[in-house]
Amino acid sequence: MSIVLLFLLILVVSFAVLLYFLKPTAIERAVEQQLADIEKSPTSSTSPGTILKDEAVRETTVLDQLFDLMPWAPALTQLVKRSGREWHPSSVFFLSVGIALAAAWLGSLFIPSLLLSIGLGLIAGIIPIGALVLISDQRRRRFEDLLPEAVDLMARGLRAGHSITAVLEMVGTEIADPVGKEFRALHKEQTLGLPIREAMGRLIDNMPIDDMRFLVTAILLQKESGGNLAQILDKTSAVMRERARLRGQLRIYTAQGRITGWILGAAPFLMFALISVVNHNYEKPLFTTPLGLKLVYGALGMMLLGILAIRKIIDVKV
């Protein structure tokens, strides 16, 4: 089993190195994008087409084509998009596979249990995806902090006589990222002819937070039923700031629970590592005897249940 894992690890690493050195440079990507834009322009072709922007990922390598065939490809692609990183989803996936194989192979050298080695590989393989989740969460929090300021800017622009399209452009120009980046994309899609309802729907897909849904609902309702949009945006901004205040208070109240969860989750593994360094033979009965394996499986299962229970307690919706 170790030889097979080593072969798969070498195969994945070889493909990763080959993909890294064969990928186009930033200048080459810019040139290809410019040529693609020229090719898609209405003046360069007489064939009928659409003015809507195509957001499909271009299949440039065999790995991209293989990745697109997998059922979890759309979810991972959306996660990469929400993180705001210019990463290829296929590269993230195959990096996770390589890390999982490497961890499983190394685990098989030190842990006699095949099931534990595979579990170690699966946990290690989740690390790149977990990093994307953390980056997306930080970006979402930054977006929530800046969104009330963007709504206030929109209300002031409407009072000054600007149109809704103009104030969306102002937000993309004046507000920092990630709010500015998302609104610049929104304004570009509207400029290309996409209806505001569909453009707002794409914005919610990229940033699925309740405050953004409130803003989109307010704008769309005003366009259909009329009313003073500047006044509606003022009230929306006040609601957003109140929700942000409540979220801050909840994070303070649940800080002890989060710290407890981290300590209880990390302490057994840290103690195991320290004992292994002091006396490597001390923990061998856990992995070489049937009773020891049952204890390990039971402990891991109870730890998982405890972490889920703590997360359920501290996860308070606002």
C-alpha atoms as a PDB file:
ATOM      1  CA  MET A   1       0.000   0.000   0.000  1.00  0.00           C
ATOM      2  CA  SER A   2       2.880   2.379   0.784  1.00  0.00           C
ATOM      3  CA  ILE A   3       4.430   1.761  -2.643  1.00  0.00           C
ATOM      4  CA  VAL A   4       1.144   2.582  -4.376  1.00  0.00           C
ATOM      5  CA  LEU A   5       0.721   5.792  -2.374  1.00  0.00           C
ATOM      6  CA  LEU A   6       4.331   6.768  -3.126  1.00  0.00           C
ATOM      7  CA  PHE A   7       3.747   6.202  -6.855  1.00  0.00           C
ATOM      8  CA  LEU A   8       0.568   8.290  -6.815  1.00  0.00           C
ATOM      9  CA  LEU A   9       2.337  11.028  -4.860  1.00  0.00           C
ATOM     10  CA  ILE A  10       5.211  11.177  -7.359  1.00  0.00           C
ATOM     11  CA  LEU A  11       2.699  11.230 -10.225  1.00  0.00           C
ATOM     12  CA  VAL A  12       0.701  14.121  -8.762  1.00  0.00           C
ATOM     13  CA  VAL A  13       3.841  16.103  -7.870  1.00  0.00           C
ATOM     14  CA  SER A  14       5.199  15.605 -11.392  1.00  0.00           C
ATOM     15  CA  PHE A  15       1.968  16.890 -12.934  1.00  0.00           C
ATOM     16  CA  ALA A  16       1.943  19.832 -10.531  1.00  0.00           C
ATOM     17  CA  VAL A  17       5.524  20.826 -11.359  1.00  0.00           C
ATOM     18  CA  LEU A  18       4.854  20.443 -15.082  1.00  0.00           C
ATOM     19  CA  LEU A  19       1.699  22.542 -14.813  1.00  0.00           C
ATOM     20  CA  TYR A  20       3.530  25.227 -12.835  1.00  0.00           C
ATOM     21  CA  PHE A  21       6.338  25.646 -15.359  1.00  0.00           C
ATOM     22  CA  LEU A  22       4.058  25.465 -18.397  1.00  0.00           C
ATOM     23  CA  LYS A  23       1.472  27.947 -17.173  1.00  0.00           C
ATOM     24  CA  PRO A  24       1.450  31.275 -19.063  1.00  0.00           C
ATOM     25  CA  THR A  25       2.989  34.381 -17.562  1.00  0.00           C
ATOM     26  CA  ALA A  26       1.019  37.456 -16.574  1.00  0.00           C
ATOM     27  CA  ILE A  27       1.931  39.223 -19.839  1.00  0.00           C
ATOM     28  CA  GLU A  28       0.893  36.199 -21.892  1.00  0.00           C
ATOM     29  CA  ARG A  29      -2.428  35.996 -20.062  1.00  0.00           C
ATOM     30  CA  ALA A  30      -3.032  39.709 -20.637  1.00  0.00           C
ATOM     31  CA  VAL A  31      -2.284  39.336 -24.360  1.00  0.00           C
ATOM     32  CA  GLU A  32      -4.559  36.283 -24.632  1.00  0.00           C
ATOM     33  CA  GLN A  33      -7.363  38.131 -22.846  1.00  0.00           C
ATOM     34  CA  GLN A  34      -6.993  41.141 -25.154  1.00  0.00           C
ATOM     35  CA  LEU A  35      -7.056  38.913 -28.236  1.00  0.00           C
ATOM     36  CA  ALA A  36     -10.100  37.078 -26.888  1.00  0.00           C
ATOM     37  CA  ASP A  37     -11.913  40.379 -26.309  1.00  0.00           C
ATOM     38  CA  ILE A  38     -11.103  41.490 -29.858  1.00  0.00           C
ATOM     39  CA  GLU A  39     -12.282  38.165 -31.235  1.00  0.00           C
ATOM     40  CA  LYS A  40     -15.566  38.391 -29.322  1.00  0.00           C
ATOM     41  CA  SER A  41     -16.238  42.003 -30.366  1.00  0.00           C
ATOM     42  CA  PRO A  42     -19.217  42.548 -32.720  1.00  0.00           C
ATOM     43  CA  THR A  43     -17.012  44.183 -35.390  1.00  0.00           C
ATOM     44  CA  SER A  44     -14.704  41.178 -35.703  1.00  0.00           C
ATOM     45  CA  SER A  45     -17.388  38.647 -36.644  1.00  0.00           C
ATOM     46  CA  THR A  46     -20.668  38.618 -38.514  1.00  0.00           C
ATOM     47  CA  SER A  47     -22.054  35.564 -36.712  1.00  0.00           C
ATOM     48  CA  PRO A  48     -24.917  36.151 -34.288  1.00  0.00           C
ATOM     49  CA  GLY A  49     -23.977  36.200 -30.632  1.00  0.00           C
ATOM     50  CA  THR A  50     -24.852  37.644 -27.274  1.00  0.00           C
ATOM     51  CA  ILE A  51     -23.769  40.827 -25.568  1.00  0.00           C
ATOM     52  CA  LEU A  52     -23.818  39.131 -22.159  1.00  0.00           C
ATOM     53  CA  LYS A  53     -20.498  38.358 -20.564  1.00  0.00           C
ATOM     54  CA  ASP A  54     -19.488  34.702 -20.571  1.00  0.00           C
ATOM     55  CA  GLU A  55     -18.032  33.752 -17.210  1.00  0.00           C
ATOM     56  CA  ALA A  56     -17.223  30.154 -18.092  1.00  0.00           C
ATOM     57  CA  VAL A  57     -13.704  29.057 -17.268  1.00  0.00           C
ATOM     58  CA  ARG A  58     -11.660  28.478 -20.393  1.00  0.00           C
ATOM     59  CA  GLU A  59     -10.369  24.905 -20.638  1.00  0.00           C
ATOM     60  CA  THR A  60      -6.669  25.355 -21.311  1.00  0.00           C
ATOM     61  CA  THR A  61      -5.202  22.140 -19.938  1.00  0.00           C
ATOM     62  CA  VAL A  62      -6.101  18.500 -19.583  1.00  0.00           C
ATOM     63  CA  LEU A  63      -6.333  18.991 -15.817  1.00  0.00           C
ATOM     64  CA  ASP A  64      -8.938  21.715 -16.294  1.00  0.00           C
ATOM     65  CA  GLN A  65     -10.999  19.443 -18.532  1.00  0.00           C
ATOM     66  CA  LEU A  66     -10.723  16.603 -16.026  1.00  0.00           C
ATOM     67  CA  PHE A  67     -11.677  18.916 -13.172  1.00  0.00           C
ATOM     68  CA  ASP A  68     -14.777  20.187 -14.998  1.00  0.00           C
ATOM     69  CA  LEU A  69     -16.101  16.629 -15.187  1.00  0.00           C
ATOM     70  CA  MET A  70     -16.197  16.294 -11.398  1.00  0.00           C
ATOM     71  CA  PRO A  71     -19.494  16.968  -9.572  1.00  0.00           C
ATOM     72  CA  TRP A  72     -17.938  19.332  -7.016  1.00  0.00           C
ATOM     73  CA  ALA A  73     -16.277  21.540  -9.650  1.00  0.00           C
ATOM     74  CA  PRO A  74     -18.980  24.300  -9.618  1.00  0.00           C
ATOM     75  CA  ALA A  75     -18.936  24.550  -5.811  1.00  0.00           C
ATOM     76  CA  LEU A  76     -15.146  24.842  -5.658  1.00  0.00           C
ATOM     77  CA  THR A  77     -15.145  27.351  -8.519  1.00  0.00           C
ATOM     78  CA  GLN A  78     -17.693  29.478  -6.660  1.00  0.00           C
ATOM     79  CA  LEU A  79     -15.607  29.235  -3.477  1.00  0.00           C
ATOM     80  CA  VAL A  80     -12.514  30.468  -5.314  1.00  0.00           C
ATOM     81  CA  LYS A  81     -14.519  33.335  -6.799  1.00  0.00           C
ATOM     82  CA  ARG A  82     -15.884  34.342  -3.383  1.00  0.00           C
ATOM     83  CA  SER A  83     -12.372  34.327  -1.926  1.00  0.00           C
ATOM     84  CA  GLY A  84     -11.311  37.018  -4.401  1.00  0.00           C
ATOM     85  CA  ARG A  85      -8.159  35.114  -5.371  1.00  0.00           C
ATOM     86  CA  GLU A  86      -6.976  34.628  -8.932  1.00  0.00           C
ATOM     87  CA  TRP A  87      -6.475  30.907  -8.392  1.00  0.00           C
ATOM     88  CA  HIS A  88      -7.445  28.148 -10.771  1.00  0.00           C
ATOM     89  CA  PRO A  89      -9.974  25.798  -9.137  1.00  0.00           C
ATOM     90  CA  SER A  90      -8.334  22.808 -10.791  1.00  0.00           C
ATOM     91  CA  SER A  91      -4.969  23.754  -9.264  1.00  0.00           C
ATOM     92  CA  VAL A  92      -6.542  23.979  -5.808  1.00  0.00           C
ATOM     93  CA  PHE A  93      -8.184  20.586  -6.205  1.00  0.00           C
ATOM     94  CA  PHE A  94      -5.104  18.739  -7.425  1.00  0.00           C
ATOM     95  CA  LEU A  95      -2.999  20.448  -4.744  1.00  0.00           C
ATOM     96  CA  SER A  96      -5.420  19.045  -2.166  1.00  0.00           C
ATOM     97  CA  VAL A  97      -5.117  15.599  -3.752  1.00  0.00           C
ATOM     98  CA  GLY A  98      -1.312  15.807  -3.655  1.00  0.00           C
ATOM     99  CA  ILE A  99      -1.271  16.876  -0.011  1.00  0.00           C
ATOM    100  CA  ALA A 100      -3.716  14.093   0.886  1.00  0.00           C
ATOM    101  CA  LEU A 101      -1.597  11.426  -0.812  1.00  0.00           C
ATOM    102  CA  ALA A 102       1.587  12.750   0.786  1.00  0.00           C
ATOM    103  CA  ALA A 103       0.046  12.805   4.261  1.00  0.00           C
ATOM    104  CA  ALA A 104      -1.435   9.329   3.829  1.00  0.00           C
ATOM    105  CA  TRP A 105       1.906   7.932   2.685  1.00  0.00           C
ATOM    106  CA  LEU A 106       3.810   9.547   5.543  1.00  0.00           C
ATOM    107  CA  GLY A 107       1.147   8.391   7.982  1.00  0.00           C
ATOM    108  CA  SER A 108       1.453   4.810   6.745  1.00  0.00           C
ATOM    109  CA  LEU A 109       5.150   4.884   7.635  1.00  0.00           C
ATOM    110  CA  PHE A 110       4.476   5.761  11.282  1.00  0.00           C
ATOM    111  CA  ILE A 111       0.917   4.507  11.909  1.00  0.00           C
ATOM    112  CA  PRO A 112       0.239   0.795  11.334  1.00  0.00           C
ATOM    113  CA  SER A 113      -3.517   1.346  10.892  1.00  0.00           C
ATOM    114  CA  LEU A 114      -4.501   1.848   7.251  1.00  0.00           C
ATOM    115  CA  LEU A 115      -7.793   3.511   8.201  1.00  0.00           C
ATOM    116  CA  LEU A 116      -6.042   6.126  10.351  1.00  0.00           C
ATOM    117  CA  SER A 117      -3.517   6.816   7.588  1.00  0.00           C
ATOM    118  CA  ILE A 118      -6.321   7.415   5.100  1.00  0.00           C
ATOM    119  CA  GLY A 119      -8.113   9.637   7.626  1.00  0.00           C
ATOM    120  CA  LEU A 120      -4.921  11.630   8.159  1.00  0.00           C
ATOM    121  CA  GLY A 121      -4.601  12.057   4.399  1.00  0.00           C
ATOM    122  CA  LEU A 122      -8.195  13.263   4.084  1.00  0.00           C
ATOM    123  CA  ILE A 123      -7.747  15.782   6.892  1.00  0.00           C
ATOM    124  CA  ALA A 124      -4.518  17.090   5.344  1.00  0.00           C
ATOM    125  CA  GLY A 125      -6.142  17.300   1.912  1.00  0.00           C
ATOM    126  CA  ILE A 126      -8.828  19.625   3.255  1.00  0.00           C
ATOM    127  CA  ILE A 127      -6.192  22.211   4.259  1.00  0.00           C
ATOM    128  CA  PRO A 128      -6.153  24.175   0.926  1.00  0.00           C
ATOM    129  CA  ILE A 129      -9.957  24.224   0.784  1.00  0.00           C
ATOM    130  CA  GLY A 130     -10.103  25.222   4.449  1.00  0.00           C
ATOM    131  CA  ALA A 131      -7.701  28.077   3.700  1.00  0.00           C
ATOM    132  CA  LEU A 132     -10.043  29.238   0.926  1.00  0.00           C
ATOM    133  CA  VAL A 133     -12.974  29.108   3.343  1.00  0.00           C
ATOM    134  CA  LEU A 134     -11.074  31.241   5.875  1.00  0.00           C
ATOM    135  CA  ILE A 135     -10.073  33.748   3.180  1.00  0.00           C
ATOM    136  CA  SER A 136     -13.674  33.928   1.957  1.00  0.00           C
ATOM    137  CA  ASP A 137     -14.904  34.461   5.515  1.00  0.00           C
ATOM    138  CA  GLN A 138     -12.428  37.309   6.094  1.00  0.00           C
ATOM    139  CA  ARG A 139     -13.417  38.863   2.777  1.00  0.00           C
ATOM    140  CA  ARG A 140     -17.100  38.567   3.699  1.00  0.00           C
ATOM    141  CA  ARG A 141     -16.513  40.313   7.027  1.00  0.00           C
ATOM    142  CA  ARG A 142     -14.589  43.078   5.302  1.00  0.00           C
ATOM    143  CA  PHE A 143     -17.463  43.430   2.834  1.00  0.00           C
ATOM    144  CA  GLU A 144     -19.995  43.669   5.665  1.00  0.00           C
ATOM    145  CA  ASP A 145     -17.928  46.386   7.360  1.00  0.00           C
ATOM    146  CA  LEU A 146     -17.689  48.524   4.217  1.00  0.00           C
ATOM    147  CA  LEU A 147     -21.199  47.999   2.845  1.00  0.00           C
ATOM    148  CA  PRO A 148     -22.974  50.589   5.082  1.00  0.00           C
ATOM    149  CA  GLU A 149     -20.480  53.211   3.904  1.00  0.00           C
ATOM    150  CA  ALA A 150     -21.222  52.253   0.300  1.00  0.00           C
ATOM    151  CA  VAL A 151     -24.986  52.536   0.898  1.00  0.00           C
ATOM    152  CA  ASP A 152     -24.522  55.994   2.439  1.00  0.00           C
ATOM    153  CA  LEU A 153     -22.528  57.045  -0.629  1.00  0.00           C
ATOM    154  CA  MET A 154     -25.313  55.779  -2.890  1.00  0.00           C
ATOM    155  CA  ALA A 155     -27.928  57.744  -0.936  1.00  0.00           C
ATOM    156  CA  ARG A 156     -25.876  60.954  -1.152  1.00  0.00           C
ATOM    157  CA  GLY A 157     -25.350  60.436  -4.873  1.00  0.00           C
ATOM    158  CA  LEU A 158     -29.071  59.970  -5.478  1.00  0.00           C
ATOM    159  CA  ARG A 159     -29.852  63.154  -3.526  1.00  0.00           C
ATOM    160  CA  ALA A 160     -27.337  64.979  -5.709  1.00  0.00           C
ATOM    161  CA  GLY A 161     -29.304  63.967  -8.805  1.00  0.00           C
ATOM    162  CA  HIS A 162     -27.246  61.038 -10.108  1.00  0.00           C
ATOM    163  CA  SER A 163     -28.870  57.961 -11.600  1.00  0.00           C
ATOM    164  CA  ILE A 164     -28.690  54.515 -10.010  1.00  0.00           C
ATOM    165  CA  THR A 165     -26.139  53.427 -12.631  1.00  0.00           C
ATOM    166  CA  ALA A 166     -23.958  56.419 -11.828  1.00  0.00           C
ATOM    167  CA  VAL A 167     -24.035  55.814  -8.075  1.00  0.00           C
ATOM    168  CA  LEU A 168     -23.116  52.157  -8.603  1.00  0.00           C
ATOM    169  CA  GLU A 169     -20.092  53.349 -10.571  1.00  0.00           C
ATOM    170  CA  MET A 170     -19.257  55.806  -7.782  1.00  0.00           C
ATOM    171  CA  VAL A 171     -19.279  52.995  -5.220  1.00  0.00           C
ATOM    172  CA  GLY A 172     -16.941  50.925  -7.382  1.00  0.00           C
ATOM    173  CA  THR A 173     -14.563  53.862  -7.671  1.00  0.00           C
ATOM    174  CA  GLU A 174     -14.659  55.400  -4.200  1.00  0.00           C
ATOM    175  CA  ILE A 175     -15.106  52.427  -1.837  1.00  0.00           C
ATOM    176  CA  ALA A 176     -12.226  50.089  -1.051  1.00  0.00           C
ATOM    177  CA  ASP A 177     -12.165  46.431  -2.001  1.00  0.00           C
ATOM    178  CA  PRO A 178     -13.872  44.011  -1.813  1.00  0.00           C
ATOM    179  CA  VAL A 179     -16.971  46.244  -2.079  1.00  0.00           C
ATOM    180  CA  GLY A 180     -15.399  48.365  -4.796  1.00  0.00           C
ATOM    181  CA  LYS A 181     -14.346  45.343  -6.829  1.00  0.00           C
ATOM    182  CA  GLU A 182     -17.787  43.745  -6.738  1.00  0.00           C
ATOM    183  CA  PHE A 183     -19.570  46.976  -7.652  1.00  0.00           C
ATOM    184  CA  ARG A 184     -17.121  47.641 -10.482  1.00  0.00           C
ATOM    185  CA  ALA A 185     -18.009  44.226 -11.881  1.00  0.00           C
ATOM    186  CA  LEU A 186     -21.710  45.060 -11.413  1.00  0.00           C
ATOM    187  CA  HIS A 187     -21.364  48.337 -13.301  1.00  0.00           C
ATOM    188  CA  LYS A 188     -19.403  46.638 -16.091  1.00  0.00           C
ATOM    189  CA  GLU A 189     -22.119  44.018 -16.523  1.00  0.00           C
ATOM    190  CA  GLN A 190     -24.767  46.735 -16.749  1.00  0.00           C
ATOM    191  CA  THR A 191     -22.667  48.595 -19.291  1.00  0.00           C
ATOM    192  CA  LEU A 192     -22.533  45.431 -21.394  1.00  0.00           C
ATOM    193  CA  GLY A 193     -26.326  45.306 -21.381  1.00  0.00           C
ATOM    194  CA  LEU A 194     -27.160  42.901 -18.567  1.00  0.00           C
ATOM    195  CA  PRO A 195     -30.454  43.834 -16.823  1.00  0.00           C
ATOM    196  CA  ILE A 196     -30.024  45.193 -13.328  1.00  0.00           C
ATOM    197  CA  ARG A 197     -32.009  42.318 -11.789  1.00  0.00           C
ATOM    198  CA  GLU A 198     -29.668  39.699 -13.246  1.00  0.00           C
ATOM    199  CA  ALA A 199     -26.590  41.771 -12.414  1.00  0.00           C
ATOM    200  CA  MET A 200     -27.753  42.099  -8.811  1.00  0.00           C
ATOM    201  CA  GLY A 201     -28.419  38.361  -8.711  1.00  0.00           C
ATOM    202  CA  ARG A 202     -24.832  37.671  -9.746  1.00  0.00           C
ATOM    203  CA  LEU A 203     -23.624  40.053  -7.074  1.00  0.00           C
ATOM    204  CA  ILE A 204     -25.551  38.105  -4.435  1.00  0.00           C
ATOM    205  CA  ASP A 205     -24.073  34.857  -5.765  1.00  0.00           C
ATOM    206  CA  ASN A 206     -20.578  36.271  -5.321  1.00  0.00           C
ATOM    207  CA  MET A 207     -21.331  37.713  -1.869  1.00  0.00           C
ATOM    208  CA  PRO A 208     -24.285  35.821  -0.324  1.00  0.00           C
ATOM    209  CA  ILE A 209     -24.849  37.856   2.827  1.00  0.00           C
ATOM    210  CA  ASP A 210     -28.095  39.132   4.296  1.00  0.00           C
ATOM    211  CA  ASP A 211     -27.085  42.809   4.146  1.00  0.00           C
ATOM    212  CA  MET A 212     -26.458  42.501   0.418  1.00  0.00           C
ATOM    213  CA  ARG A 213     -29.867  40.867  -0.019  1.00  0.00           C
ATOM    214  CA  PHE A 214     -31.476  43.781   1.853  1.00  0.00           C
ATOM    215  CA  LEU A 215     -29.806  46.277  -0.469  1.00  0.00           C
ATOM    216  CA  VAL A 216     -30.729  44.416  -3.650  1.00  0.00           C
ATOM    217  CA  THR A 217     -34.326  43.988  -2.486  1.00  0.00           C
ATOM    218  CA  ALA A 218     -34.613  47.693  -1.716  1.00  0.00           C
ATOM    219  CA  ILE A 219     -33.269  48.733  -5.133  1.00  0.00           C
ATOM    220  CA  LEU A 220     -35.401  46.288  -7.104  1.00  0.00           C
ATOM    221  CA  LEU A 221     -38.580  47.129  -5.184  1.00  0.00           C
ATOM    222  CA  GLN A 222     -38.020  50.834  -5.754  1.00  0.00           C
ATOM    223  CA  LYS A 223     -37.562  50.269  -9.500  1.00  0.00           C
ATOM    224  CA  GLU A 224     -40.830  48.308  -9.693  1.00  0.00           C
ATOM    225  CA  SER A 225     -43.054  50.272  -7.302  1.00  0.00           C
ATOM    226  CA  GLY A 226     -41.356  53.669  -7.119  1.00  0.00           C
ATOM    227  CA  GLY A 227     -40.595  55.758  -4.052  1.00  0.00           C
ATOM    228  CA  ASN A 228     -37.759  57.749  -2.559  1.00  0.00           C
ATOM    229  CA  LEU A 229     -34.765  55.433  -3.016  1.00  0.00           C
ATOM    230  CA  ALA A 230     -32.412  57.720  -1.087  1.00  0.00           C
ATOM    231  CA  GLN A 231     -34.642  57.507   1.992  1.00  0.00           C
ATOM    232  CA  ILE A 232     -34.938  53.735   1.594  1.00  0.00           C
ATOM    233  CA  LEU A 233     -31.161  53.430   1.416  1.00  0.00           C
ATOM    234  CA  ASP A 234     -30.785  55.523   4.578  1.00  0.00           C
ATOM    235  CA  LYS A 235     -33.007  53.103   6.467  1.00  0.00           C
ATOM    236  CA  THR A 236     -31.190  50.137   4.925  1.00  0.00           C
ATOM    237  CA  SER A 237     -27.868  51.550   6.066  1.00  0.00           C
ATOM    238  CA  ALA A 238     -29.215  52.018   9.587  1.00  0.00           C
ATOM    239  CA  VAL A 239     -30.373  48.390   9.656  1.00  0.00           C
ATOM    240  CA  MET A 240     -26.943  47.233   8.450  1.00  0.00           C
ATOM    241  CA  ARG A 241     -25.119  49.202  11.134  1.00  0.00           C
ATOM    242  CA  GLU A 242     -27.425  47.842  13.847  1.00  0.00           C
ATOM    243  CA  ARG A 243     -26.842  44.292  12.627  1.00  0.00           C
ATOM    244  CA  ALA A 244     -23.081  44.915  12.655  1.00  0.00           C
ATOM    245  CA  ARG A 245     -23.317  46.132  16.248  1.00  0.00           C
ATOM    246  CA  LEU A 246     -25.235  43.008  17.260  1.00  0.00           C
ATOM    247  CA  ARG A 247     -22.724  40.770  15.488  1.00  0.00           C
ATOM    248  CA  GLY A 248     -19.898  42.415  17.410  1.00  0.00           C
ATOM    249  CA  GLN A 249     -21.681  41.872  20.712  1.00  0.00           C
ATOM    250  CA  LEU A 250     -22.355  38.220  19.862  1.00  0.00           C
ATOM    251  CA  ARG A 251     -18.696  37.646  19.006  1.00  0.00           C
ATOM    252  CA  ILE A 252     -17.781  39.010  22.435  1.00  0.00           C
ATOM    253  CA  TYR A 253     -20.353  36.843  24.202  1.00  0.00           C
ATOM    254  CA  THR A 254     -19.316  33.679  22.329  1.00  0.00           C
ATOM    255  CA  ALA A 255     -15.544  34.263  22.546  1.00  0.00           C
ATOM    256  CA  GLN A 256     -15.199  31.922  25.529  1.00  0.00           C
ATOM    257  CA  GLY A 257     -17.005  29.128  23.686  1.00  0.00           C
ATOM    258  CA  ARG A 258     -14.794  29.515  20.605  1.00  0.00           C
ATOM    259  CA  ILE A 259     -11.605  29.463  22.672  1.00  0.00           C
ATOM    260  CA  THR A 260     -12.869  26.406  24.556  1.00  0.00           C
ATOM    261  CA  GLY A 261     -13.546  24.606  21.287  1.00  0.00           C
ATOM    262  CA  TRP A 262     -10.068  25.370  19.938  1.00  0.00           C
ATOM    263  CA  ILE A 263      -8.375  24.238  23.151  1.00  0.00           C
ATOM    264  CA  LEU A 264     -10.388  21.033  23.484  1.00  0.00           C
ATOM    265  CA  GLY A 265      -9.847  20.217  19.824  1.00  0.00           C
ATOM    266  CA  ALA A 266      -6.104  20.854  19.756  1.00  0.00           C
ATOM    267  CA  ALA A 267      -5.021  19.679  23.213  1.00  0.00           C
ATOM    268  CA  PRO A 268      -5.199  15.878  22.551  1.00  0.00           C
ATOM    269  CA  PHE A 269      -3.115  16.144  19.388  1.00  0.00           C
ATOM    270  CA  LEU A 270      -0.553  18.424  21.033  1.00  0.00           C
ATOM    271  CA  MET A 271      -0.220  16.053  23.993  1.00  0.00           C
ATOM    272  CA  PHE A 272       0.117  13.107  21.617  1.00  0.00           C
ATOM    273  CA  ALA A 273       2.895  14.883  19.715  1.00  0.00           C
ATOM    274  CA  LEU A 274       4.763  15.786  22.920  1.00  0.00           C
ATOM    275  CA  ILE A 275       4.521  12.247  24.292  1.00  0.00           C
ATOM    276  CA  SER A 276       5.709  10.847  20.951  1.00  0.00           C
ATOM    277  CA  VAL A 277       8.773  13.067  21.068  1.00  0.00           C
ATOM    278  CA  VAL A 278       9.604  12.057  24.661  1.00  0.00           C
ATOM    279  CA  ASN A 279       8.891   8.332  24.268  1.00  0.00           C
ATOM    280  CA  HIS A 280       8.062   7.035  20.810  1.00  0.00           C
ATOM    281  CA  ASN A 281       7.083   3.558  22.041  1.00  0.00           C
ATOM    282  CA  TYR A 282       4.617   4.843  24.624  1.00  0.00           C
ATOM    283  CA  GLU A 283       1.672   5.254  22.218  1.00  0.00           C
ATOM    284  CA  LYS A 284       2.306   2.133  20.108  1.00  0.00           C
ATOM    285  CA  PRO A 285      -0.352   0.001  21.909  1.00  0.00           C
ATOM    286  CA  LEU A 286      -2.989   2.452  20.647  1.00  0.00           C
ATOM    287  CA  PHE A 287      -2.229   1.478  17.038  1.00  0.00           C
ATOM    288  CA  THR A 288      -1.038  -2.102  17.360  1.00  0.00           C
ATOM    289  CA  THR A 289      -3.800  -3.651  19.504  1.00  0.00           C
ATOM    290  CA  PRO A 290      -7.520  -4.025  18.679  1.00  0.00           C
ATOM    291  CA  LEU A 291      -8.535  -2.376  21.944  1.00  0.00           C
ATOM    292  CA  GLY A 292      -6.223   0.571  21.292  1.00  0.00           C
ATOM    293  CA  LEU A 293      -7.680   1.116  17.802  1.00  0.00           C
ATOM    294  CA  LYS A 294     -11.216   1.027  19.204  1.00  0.00           C
ATOM    295  CA  LEU A 295     -10.246   3.624  21.795  1.00  0.00           C
ATOM    296  CA  VAL A 296      -8.720   5.861  19.111  1.00  0.00           C
ATOM    297  CA  TYR A 297     -11.810   5.603  16.893  1.00  0.00           C
ATOM    298  CA  GLY A 298     -14.119   6.269  19.823  1.00  0.00           C
ATOM    299  CA  ALA A 299     -12.076   9.260  20.992  1.00  0.00           C
ATOM    300  CA  LEU A 300     -12.041  10.798  17.507  1.00  0.00           C
ATOM    301  CA  GLY A 301     -15.792  10.298  17.156  1.00  0.00           C
ATOM    302  CA  MET A 302     -16.517  11.875  20.544  1.00  0.00           C
ATOM    303  CA  MET A 303     -14.205  14.793  19.752  1.00  0.00           C
ATOM    304  CA  LEU A 304     -16.074  15.380  16.502  1.00  0.00           C
ATOM    305  CA  LEU A 305     -19.413  15.346  18.303  1.00  0.00           C
ATOM    306  CA  GLY A 306     -18.085  17.765  20.923  1.00  0.00           C
ATOM    307  CA  ILE A 307     -16.780  20.192  18.299  1.00  0.00           C
ATOM    308  CA  LEU A 308     -20.093  20.103  16.434  1.00  0.00           C
ATOM    309  CA  ALA A 309     -22.003  20.703  19.686  1.00  0.00           C
ATOM    310  CA  ILE A 310     -19.831  23.688  20.614  1.00  0.00           C
ATOM    311  CA  ARG A 311     -20.183  25.114  17.108  1.00  0.00           C
ATOM    312  CA  LYS A 312     -23.954  24.745  17.294  1.00  0.00           C
ATOM    313  CA  ILE A 313     -24.031  26.618  20.611  1.00  0.00           C
ATOM    314  CA  ILE A 314     -21.902  29.574  19.505  1.00  0.00           C
ATOM    315  CA  ASP A 315     -23.414  29.881  15.992  1.00  0.00           C
ATOM    316  CA  VAL A 316     -26.071  32.520  16.678  1.00  0.00           C
ATOM    317  CA  LYS A 317     -27.827  33.995  13.650  1.00  0.00           C
ATOM    318  CA  VAL A 318     -28.436  37.743  13.530  1.00  0.00           C
END
